[in-house]
C-alpha atoms as a PDB file:
ATOM      1  CA  UNK A   1      95.326  91.198 105.087  1.00  0.00           C
ATOM      2  CA  UNK A   2      95.661  90.115 101.463  1.00  0.00           C
ATOM      3  CA  UNK A   3      95.630  87.005  99.340  1.00  0.00           C
ATOM      4  CA  UNK A   4      97.385  86.012  96.121  1.00  0.00           C
ATOM      5  CA  UNK A   5      95.755  83.774  93.535  1.00  0.00           C
ATOM      6  CA  UNK A   6      97.126  82.703  90.152  1.00  0.00           C
ATOM      7  CA  UNK A   7      94.729  82.147  87.261  1.00  0.00           C
ATOM      8  CA  UNK A   8      96.685  81.165  84.193  1.00  0.00           C
ATOM      9  CA  UNK A   9      99.192  83.972  83.647  1.00  0.00           C
ATOM     10  CA  UNK A  10      97.262  86.448  85.808  1.00  0.00           C
ATOM     11  CA  UNK A  11      98.093  87.032  89.468  1.00  0.00           C
ATOM     12  CA  UNK A  12      95.216  88.420  91.544  1.00  0.00           C
ATOM     13  CA  UNK A  13      96.378  90.233  94.672  1.00  0.00           C
ATOM     14  CA  UNK A  14      93.293  90.961  96.780  1.00  0.00           C
ATOM     15  CA  UNK A  15      93.037  93.175  99.857  1.00  0.00           C
ATOM     16  CA  UNK A  16      90.576  91.039 101.772  1.00  0.00           C
ATOM     17  CA  UNK A  17      87.718  91.972 104.100  1.00  0.00           C
ATOM     18  CA  UNK A  18      85.156  94.765 104.088  1.00  0.00           C
ATOM     19  CA  UNK A  19      87.158  97.275 106.145  1.00  0.00           C
ATOM     20  CA  UNK A  20      89.049 100.346 104.909  1.00  0.00           C
ATOM     21  CA  UNK A  21      92.221  98.392 104.123  1.00  0.00           C
ATOM     22  CA  UNK A  22      94.278 100.762 106.218  1.00  0.00           C
ATOM     23  CA  UNK A  23      97.972 100.311 105.541  1.00  0.00           C
ATOM     24  CA  UNK A  24      99.264  99.209 108.933  1.00  0.00           C
ATOM     25  CA  UNK A  25     102.425  97.124 109.408  1.00  0.00           C
ATOM     26  CA  UNK A  26     100.522  93.840 109.059  1.00  0.00           C
ATOM     27  CA  UNK A  27      98.832  94.699 105.753  1.00  0.00           C
ATOM     28  CA  UNK A  28     102.003  96.266 104.370  1.00  0.00           C
ATOM     29  CA  UNK A  29     104.010  93.156 105.257  1.00  0.00           C
ATOM     30  CA  UNK A  30     101.341  90.858 103.797  1.00  0.00           C
ATOM     31  CA  UNK A  31     101.258  92.852 100.545  1.00  0.00           C
ATOM     32  CA  UNK A  32     105.041  92.819 100.230  1.00  0.00           C
ATOM     33  CA  UNK A  33     105.070  89.058 100.789  1.00  0.00           C
ATOM     34  CA  UNK A  34     102.436  88.551  98.071  1.00  0.00           C
ATOM     35  CA  UNK A  35     104.448  90.648  95.616  1.00  0.00           C
ATOM     36  CA  UNK A  36     107.542  88.583  96.405  1.00  0.00           C
ATOM     37  CA  UNK A  37     105.585  85.402  95.685  1.00  0.00           C
ATOM     38  CA  UNK A  38     104.322  86.792  92.380  1.00  0.00           C
ATOM     39  CA  UNK A  39     107.850  87.767  91.377  1.00  0.00           C
ATOM     40  CA  UNK A  40     109.188  84.319  92.232  1.00  0.00           C
ATOM     41  CA  UNK A  41     106.487  82.626  90.134  1.00  0.00           C
ATOM     42  CA  UNK A  42     106.542  85.035  87.196  1.00  0.00           C
ATOM     43  CA  UNK A  43     107.016  83.860  83.626  1.00  0.00           C
ATOM     44  CA  UNK A  44     106.719  85.482  80.220  1.00  0.00           C
ATOM     45  CA  UNK A  45     103.152  86.726  79.915  1.00  0.00           C
ATOM     46  CA  UNK A  46     102.534  87.187  83.632  1.00  0.00           C
ATOM     47  CA  UNK A  47     100.394  90.158  84.726  1.00  0.00           C
ATOM     48  CA  UNK A  48      99.385  91.358  88.205  1.00  0.00           C
ATOM     49  CA  UNK A  49      95.967  92.780  89.093  1.00  0.00           C
ATOM     50  CA  UNK A  50      95.529  94.313  92.550  1.00  0.00           C
ATOM     51  CA  UNK A  51      91.971  94.686  93.795  1.00  0.00           C
ATOM     52  CA  UNK A  52      90.134  95.094  97.080  1.00  0.00           C
ATOM     53  CA  UNK A  53      86.978  93.794  98.684  1.00  0.00           C
ATOM     54  CA  UNK A  54      84.429  96.222 100.126  1.00  0.00           C
ATOM     55  CA  UNK A  55      83.882  99.921  99.465  1.00  0.00           C
ATOM     56  CA  UNK A  56      87.510 100.964  99.907  1.00  0.00           C
ATOM     57  CA  UNK A  57      90.534 100.211  97.770  1.00  0.00           C
ATOM     58  CA  UNK A  58      92.607 101.604 100.624  1.00  0.00           C
ATOM     59  CA  UNK A  59      92.038 104.564 102.929  1.00  0.00           C
ATOM     60  CA  UNK A  60      95.722 105.160 103.546  1.00  0.00           C
ATOM     61  CA  UNK A  61      97.895 104.633 106.584  1.00  0.00           C
ATOM     62  CA  UNK A  62      96.341 103.321 109.784  1.00  0.00           C
ATOM     63  CA  UNK A  63      96.266 106.591 111.724  1.00  0.00           C
ATOM     64  CA  UNK A  64      94.226 104.927 114.456  1.00  0.00           C
ATOM     65  CA  UNK A  65      97.076 102.503 115.091  1.00  0.00           C
ATOM     66  CA  UNK A  66      99.524 105.403 115.175  1.00  0.00           C
ATOM     67  CA  UNK A  67      97.411 107.370 117.656  1.00  0.00           C
ATOM     68  CA  UNK A  68      96.962 104.333 119.882  1.00  0.00           C
ATOM     69  CA  UNK A  69     100.623 104.699 120.867  1.00  0.00           C
ATOM     70  CA  UNK A  70      99.337 106.992 123.603  1.00  0.00           C
ATOM     71  CA  UNK A  71     101.624 109.968 123.057  1.00  0.00           C
ATOM     72  CA  UNK A  72     102.386 112.475 120.331  1.00  0.00           C
ATOM     73  CA  UNK A  73     105.936 111.206 119.989  1.00  0.00           C
ATOM     74  CA  UNK A  74     104.781 107.610 119.851  1.00  0.00           C
ATOM     75  CA  UNK A  75     102.168 108.432 117.212  1.00  0.00           C
ATOM     76  CA  UNK A  76     104.753 110.255 115.097  1.00  0.00           C
ATOM     77  CA  UNK A  77     107.146 107.322 115.371  1.00  0.00           C
ATOM     78  CA  UNK A  78     104.465 104.858 114.316  1.00  0.00           C
ATOM     79  CA  UNK A  79     103.449 107.032 111.371  1.00  0.00           C
ATOM     80  CA  UNK A  80     107.064 107.303 110.265  1.00  0.00           C
ATOM     81  CA  UNK A  81     107.392 103.543 110.596  1.00  0.00           C
ATOM     82  CA  UNK A  82     104.480 103.080 108.180  1.00  0.00           C
ATOM     83  CA  UNK A  83     105.936 105.651 105.774  1.00  0.00           C
ATOM     84  CA  UNK A  84     109.230 103.757 105.693  1.00  0.00           C
ATOM     85  CA  UNK A  85     107.530 100.334 105.537  1.00  0.00           C
ATOM     86  CA  UNK A  86     105.523 101.256 102.440  1.00  0.00           C
ATOM     87  CA  UNK A  87     108.628 102.231 100.463  1.00  0.00           C
ATOM     88  CA  UNK A  88     109.614  98.589  99.766  1.00  0.00           C
ATOM     89  CA  UNK A  89     106.087  97.914  98.471  1.00  0.00           C
ATOM     90  CA  UNK A  90     106.368 100.786  95.988  1.00  0.00           C
ATOM     91  CA  UNK A  91     109.858  99.571  95.070  1.00  0.00           C
ATOM     92  CA  UNK A  92     108.578  96.015  94.602  1.00  0.00           C
ATOM     93  CA  UNK A  93     105.832  97.177  92.240  1.00  0.00           C
ATOM     94  CA  UNK A  94     108.277  99.273  90.229  1.00  0.00           C
ATOM     95  CA  UNK A  95     110.670  96.341  89.876  1.00  0.00           C
ATOM     96  CA  UNK A  96     108.077  93.585  89.412  1.00  0.00           C
ATOM     97  CA  UNK A  97     108.859  91.706  86.167  1.00  0.00           C
ATOM     98  CA  UNK A  98     105.371  91.962  84.699  1.00  0.00           C
ATOM     99  CA  UNK A  99     102.728  94.598  83.850  1.00  0.00           C
ATOM    100  CA  UNK A 100     100.603  95.693  86.813  1.00  0.00           C
ATOM    101  CA  UNK A 101      97.003  96.901  87.013  1.00  0.00           C
ATOM    102  CA  UNK A 102      95.156  98.418  89.974  1.00  0.00           C
ATOM    103  CA  UNK A 103      91.416  97.711  89.842  1.00  0.00           C
ATOM    104  CA  UNK A 104      90.107 100.531  92.034  1.00  0.00           C
ATOM    105  CA  UNK A 105      86.497  99.709  92.894  1.00  0.00           C
ATOM    106  CA  UNK A 106      86.297 102.007  95.931  1.00  0.00           C
ATOM    107  CA  UNK A 107      87.941 104.962  97.636  1.00  0.00           C
ATOM    108  CA  UNK A 108      91.714 105.327  97.262  1.00  0.00           C
ATOM    109  CA  UNK A 109      93.050 107.948  99.647  1.00  0.00           C
ATOM    110  CA  UNK A 110      96.488 109.143 100.774  1.00  0.00           C
ATOM    111  CA  UNK A 111      98.867 106.154 100.921  1.00  0.00           C
ATOM    112  CA  UNK A 112      96.085 104.090  99.353  1.00  0.00           C
ATOM    113  CA  UNK A 113      96.282 106.284  96.256  1.00  0.00           C
ATOM    114  CA  UNK A 114     100.057 105.900  96.321  1.00  0.00           C
ATOM    115  CA  UNK A 115      99.567 102.134  96.291  1.00  0.00           C
ATOM    116  CA  UNK A 116      97.199 102.366  93.318  1.00  0.00           C
ATOM    117  CA  UNK A 117      99.423 104.679  91.286  1.00  0.00           C
ATOM    118  CA  UNK A 118     102.437 102.465  91.895  1.00  0.00           C
ATOM    119  CA  UNK A 119     100.865 100.183  89.278  1.00  0.00           C
ATOM    120  CA  UNK A 120     101.314 100.668  85.535  1.00  0.00           C
ATOM    121  CA  UNK A 121      97.577 101.090  84.931  1.00  0.00           C
ATOM    122  CA  UNK A 122      94.687 102.186  87.134  1.00  0.00           C
ATOM    123  CA  UNK A 123      91.117 101.293  86.199  1.00  0.00           C
ATOM    124  CA  UNK A 124      88.503 102.995  88.350  1.00  0.00           C
ATOM    125  CA  UNK A 125      84.826 102.767  89.148  1.00  0.00           C
ATOM    126  CA  UNK A 126      82.861 105.852  88.125  1.00  0.00           C
ATOM    127  CA  UNK A 127      79.696 105.307  90.172  1.00  0.00           C
ATOM    128  CA  UNK A 128      81.401 104.997  93.558  1.00  0.00           C
ATOM    129  CA  UNK A 129      84.757 105.885  95.055  1.00  0.00           C
ATOM    130  CA  UNK A 130      87.076 108.877  94.908  1.00  0.00           C
ATOM    131  CA  UNK A 131      90.777 109.608  94.691  1.00  0.00           C
ATOM    132  CA  UNK A 132      91.759 111.858  97.571  1.00  0.00           C
ATOM    133  CA  UNK A 133      94.940 113.222  99.148  1.00  0.00           C
ATOM    134  CA  UNK A 134      93.791 114.587 102.547  1.00  0.00           C
ATOM    135  CA  UNK A 135      97.174 115.676 103.880  1.00  0.00           C
ATOM    136  CA  UNK A 136      96.506 119.397 103.406  1.00  0.00           C
ATOM    137  CA  UNK A 137      93.233 118.978 105.313  1.00  0.00           C
ATOM    138  CA  UNK A 138      94.644 116.986 108.239  1.00  0.00           C
ATOM    139  CA  UNK A 139      97.977 118.769 108.577  1.00  0.00           C
ATOM    140  CA  UNK A 140     100.530 116.263 107.281  1.00  0.00           C
ATOM    141  CA  UNK A 141     103.363 116.879 104.856  1.00  0.00           C
ATOM    142  CA  UNK A 142     104.116 114.460 102.022  1.00  0.00           C
ATOM    143  CA  UNK A 143     107.020 111.986 102.076  1.00  0.00           C
ATOM    144  CA  UNK A 144     109.572 112.559  99.340  1.00  0.00           C
ATOM    145  CA  UNK A 145     108.745 109.348  97.510  1.00  0.00           C
ATOM    146  CA  UNK A 146     105.033 110.258  97.442  1.00  0.00           C
ATOM    147  CA  UNK A 147     105.891 113.512  95.674  1.00  0.00           C
ATOM    148  CA  UNK A 148     108.263 111.810  93.229  1.00  0.00           C
ATOM    149  CA  UNK A 149     105.665 109.154  92.423  1.00  0.00           C
ATOM    150  CA  UNK A 150     102.926 111.678  91.702  1.00  0.00           C
ATOM    151  CA  UNK A 151     105.267 113.863  89.678  1.00  0.00           C
ATOM    152  CA  UNK A 152     106.176 110.851  87.554  1.00  0.00           C
ATOM    153  CA  UNK A 153     102.676 109.423  87.236  1.00  0.00           C
ATOM    154  CA  UNK A 154     100.499 112.541  86.835  1.00  0.00           C
ATOM    155  CA  UNK A 155     101.590 114.768  83.983  1.00  0.00           C
ATOM    156  CA  UNK A 156      99.092 117.565  84.624  1.00  0.00           C
ATOM    157  CA  UNK A 157     100.399 120.186  87.033  1.00  0.00           C
ATOM    158  CA  UNK A 158      96.865 121.432  87.643  1.00  0.00           C
ATOM    159  CA  UNK A 159      95.722 117.924  88.564  1.00  0.00           C
ATOM    160  CA  UNK A 160      98.591 117.601  91.049  1.00  0.00           C
ATOM    161  CA  UNK A 161      97.773 121.034  92.445  1.00  0.00           C
ATOM    162  CA  UNK A 162      94.121 120.173  92.932  1.00  0.00           C
ATOM    163  CA  UNK A 163      94.901 116.835  94.576  1.00  0.00           C
ATOM    164  CA  UNK A 164      97.602 118.136  96.925  1.00  0.00           C
ATOM    165  CA  UNK A 165      96.853 121.811  97.543  1.00  0.00           C
ATOM    166  CA  UNK A 166      93.057 121.796  97.401  1.00  0.00           C
ATOM    167  CA  UNK A 167      92.383 118.304  98.724  1.00  0.00           C
ATOM    168  CA  UNK A 168      90.026 117.680  95.811  1.00  0.00           C
ATOM    169  CA  UNK A 169      88.092 114.411  95.779  1.00  0.00           C
ATOM    170  CA  UNK A 170      88.155 113.143  92.222  1.00  0.00           C
ATOM    171  CA  UNK A 171      85.573 110.698  90.911  1.00  0.00           C
ATOM    172  CA  UNK A 172      86.224 108.324  88.065  1.00  0.00           C
ATOM    173  CA  UNK A 173      85.185 110.454  85.107  1.00  0.00           C
ATOM    174  CA  UNK A 174      87.268 113.430  86.239  1.00  0.00           C
ATOM    175  CA  UNK A 175      90.260 111.236  87.058  1.00  0.00           C
ATOM    176  CA  UNK A 176      90.088 109.695  83.582  1.00  0.00           C
ATOM    177  CA  UNK A 177      89.682 113.085  81.887  1.00  0.00           C
ATOM    178  CA  UNK A 178      92.718 114.457  83.729  1.00  0.00           C
ATOM    179  CA  UNK A 179      94.887 111.482  82.880  1.00  0.00           C
ATOM    180  CA  UNK A 180      95.220 110.079  86.396  1.00  0.00           C
ATOM    181  CA  UNK A 181      93.535 106.752  85.609  1.00  0.00           C
ATOM    182  CA  UNK A 182      93.445 104.709  82.429  1.00  0.00           C
ATOM    183  CA  UNK A 183      89.664 104.318  82.336  1.00  0.00           C
ATOM    184  CA  UNK A 184      86.497 104.568  84.434  1.00  0.00           C
ATOM    185  CA  UNK A 185      83.669 102.028  84.321  1.00  0.00           C
ATOM    186  CA  UNK A 186      80.144 101.918  85.697  1.00  0.00           C
ATOM    187  CA  UNK A 187      80.418  99.330  88.463  1.00  0.00           C
ATOM    188  CA  UNK A 188      82.583  96.873  90.365  1.00  0.00           C
ATOM    189  CA  UNK A 189      81.964  94.004  87.954  1.00  0.00           C
ATOM    190  CA  UNK A 190      82.769  96.195  84.954  1.00  0.00           C
ATOM    191  CA  UNK A 191      86.040  97.379  86.541  1.00  0.00           C
ATOM    192  CA  UNK A 192      87.125  93.825  87.276  1.00  0.00           C
ATOM    193  CA  UNK A 193      86.166  92.590  83.822  1.00  0.00           C
ATOM    194  CA  UNK A 194      88.003  95.476  82.153  1.00  0.00           C
ATOM    195  CA  UNK A 195      91.078  94.775  84.289  1.00  0.00           C
ATOM    196  CA  UNK A 196      91.090  91.109  83.310  1.00  0.00           C
ATOM    197  CA  UNK A 197      90.654  91.983  79.618  1.00  0.00           C
ATOM    198  CA  UNK A 198      93.594  94.354  79.801  1.00  0.00           C
ATOM    199  CA  UNK A 199      95.675  91.756  81.659  1.00  0.00           C
ATOM    200  CA  UNK A 200      94.874  89.140  79.016  1.00  0.00           C
ATOM    201  CA  UNK A 201      95.838  91.532  76.205  1.00  0.00           C
ATOM    202  CA  UNK A 202      99.101  92.486  77.902  1.00  0.00           C
ATOM    203  CA  UNK A 203      99.894  88.876  78.731  1.00  0.00           C
ATOM    204  CA  UNK A 204      99.624  87.871  75.073  1.00  0.00           C
ATOM    205  CA  UNK A 205     102.694  89.985  74.352  1.00  0.00           C
ATOM    206  CA  UNK A 206     104.827  87.645  76.481  1.00  0.00           C
ATOM    207  CA  UNK A 207     107.452  90.260  77.199  1.00  0.00           C
ATOM    208  CA  UNK A 208     110.654  89.393  79.008  1.00  0.00           C
ATOM    209  CA  UNK A 209     109.815  90.405  82.574  1.00  0.00           C
ATOM    210  CA  UNK A 210     113.233  91.683  83.623  1.00  0.00           C
ATOM    211  CA  UNK A 211     113.466  93.865  80.534  1.00  0.00           C
ATOM    212  CA  UNK A 212     109.972  95.212  81.178  1.00  0.00           C
ATOM    213  CA  UNK A 213     110.889  96.053  84.785  1.00  0.00           C
ATOM    214  CA  UNK A 214     114.108  97.833  83.808  1.00  0.00           C
ATOM    215  CA  UNK A 215     112.314  99.945  81.187  1.00  0.00           C
ATOM    216  CA  UNK A 216     109.675 100.842  83.793  1.00  0.00           C
ATOM    217  CA  UNK A 217     112.301 101.904  86.320  1.00  0.00           C
ATOM    218  CA  UNK A 218     113.986 104.037  83.674  1.00  0.00           C
ATOM    219  CA  UNK A 219     110.792 106.057  83.288  1.00  0.00           C
ATOM    220  CA  UNK A 220     110.913 107.219  86.916  1.00  0.00           C
ATOM    221  CA  UNK A 221     114.552 108.108  87.728  1.00  0.00           C
ATOM    222  CA  UNK A 222     113.718 110.514  90.572  1.00  0.00           C
ATOM    223  CA  UNK A 223     111.498 107.991  92.330  1.00  0.00           C
ATOM    224  CA  UNK A 224     113.938 105.130  91.805  1.00  0.00           C
ATOM    225  CA  UNK A 225     116.790 107.209  93.229  1.00  0.00           C
ATOM    226  CA  UNK A 226     114.791 107.867  96.399  1.00  0.00           C
ATOM    227  CA  UNK A 227     113.840 104.190  96.678  1.00  0.00           C
ATOM    228  CA  UNK A 228     117.417 103.057  96.057  1.00  0.00           C
ATOM    229  CA  UNK A 229     116.540 101.119  92.899  1.00  0.00           C
ATOM    230  CA  UNK A 230     119.340 100.714  90.390  1.00  0.00           C
ATOM    231  CA  UNK A 231     118.944  99.849  86.717  1.00  0.00           C
ATOM    232  CA  UNK A 232     120.504  97.174  84.524  1.00  0.00           C
ATOM    233  CA  UNK A 233     121.015  96.827  80.792  1.00  0.00           C
ATOM    234  CA  UNK A 234     119.698  93.711  79.062  1.00  0.00           C
ATOM    235  CA  UNK A 235     120.460  92.705  75.469  1.00  0.00           C
ATOM    236  CA  UNK A 236     117.451  90.976  73.961  1.00  0.00           C
ATOM    237  CA  UNK A 237     118.147  87.749  72.045  1.00  0.00           C
ATOM    238  CA  UNK A 238     115.620  88.971  69.453  1.00  0.00           C
ATOM    239  CA  UNK A 239     118.109  91.582  68.229  1.00  0.00           C
END
């Protein structure tokens, strides 16, 4: 599950427990609820940091839950249910009226990497944890919104190729060098401290949240079209 805590202008969304934070219907629903709460309580200067306890940020969809359906058709239906259930979480992060930071202190794989990259900034641990898209290794194709997200978030075609078509496991330094994450730091404490510093700096700007969200959505038209997110035009009173 997850928890949401507000410290000043900073919301801390934490994936709790020391498990792999597999994205099953319960965790997806809990995360979406926390994002809704953050949106409802947002003000100028709000910032969201998402972090996780334990050695995983998130190891993707709960394939064990899917396979426990007891049949191939049942497993496929459960997997598709998770694919569809995660879409509103990605949409909520894209339309959240505040800057967002993923503090990745452990492994982020498959849908877990999608969750991380749905944030505006990703700060990663260099001494432990990898970014990994295992679909080519386990025989799964990618949902359309996964592809659109990665195309919008990762500018390097070679980085996308290595993640998707080679199943490369990227550590922090390589991910930073290839522009996938904002920065890599030596340990869990350093990642969290860097995330809070960034959140504090962003919060000082006190941007209008709805304007920020609309500009963000405009950067990813392909993804927003798939997610069914429209855009609005706001006239700032500062003009």
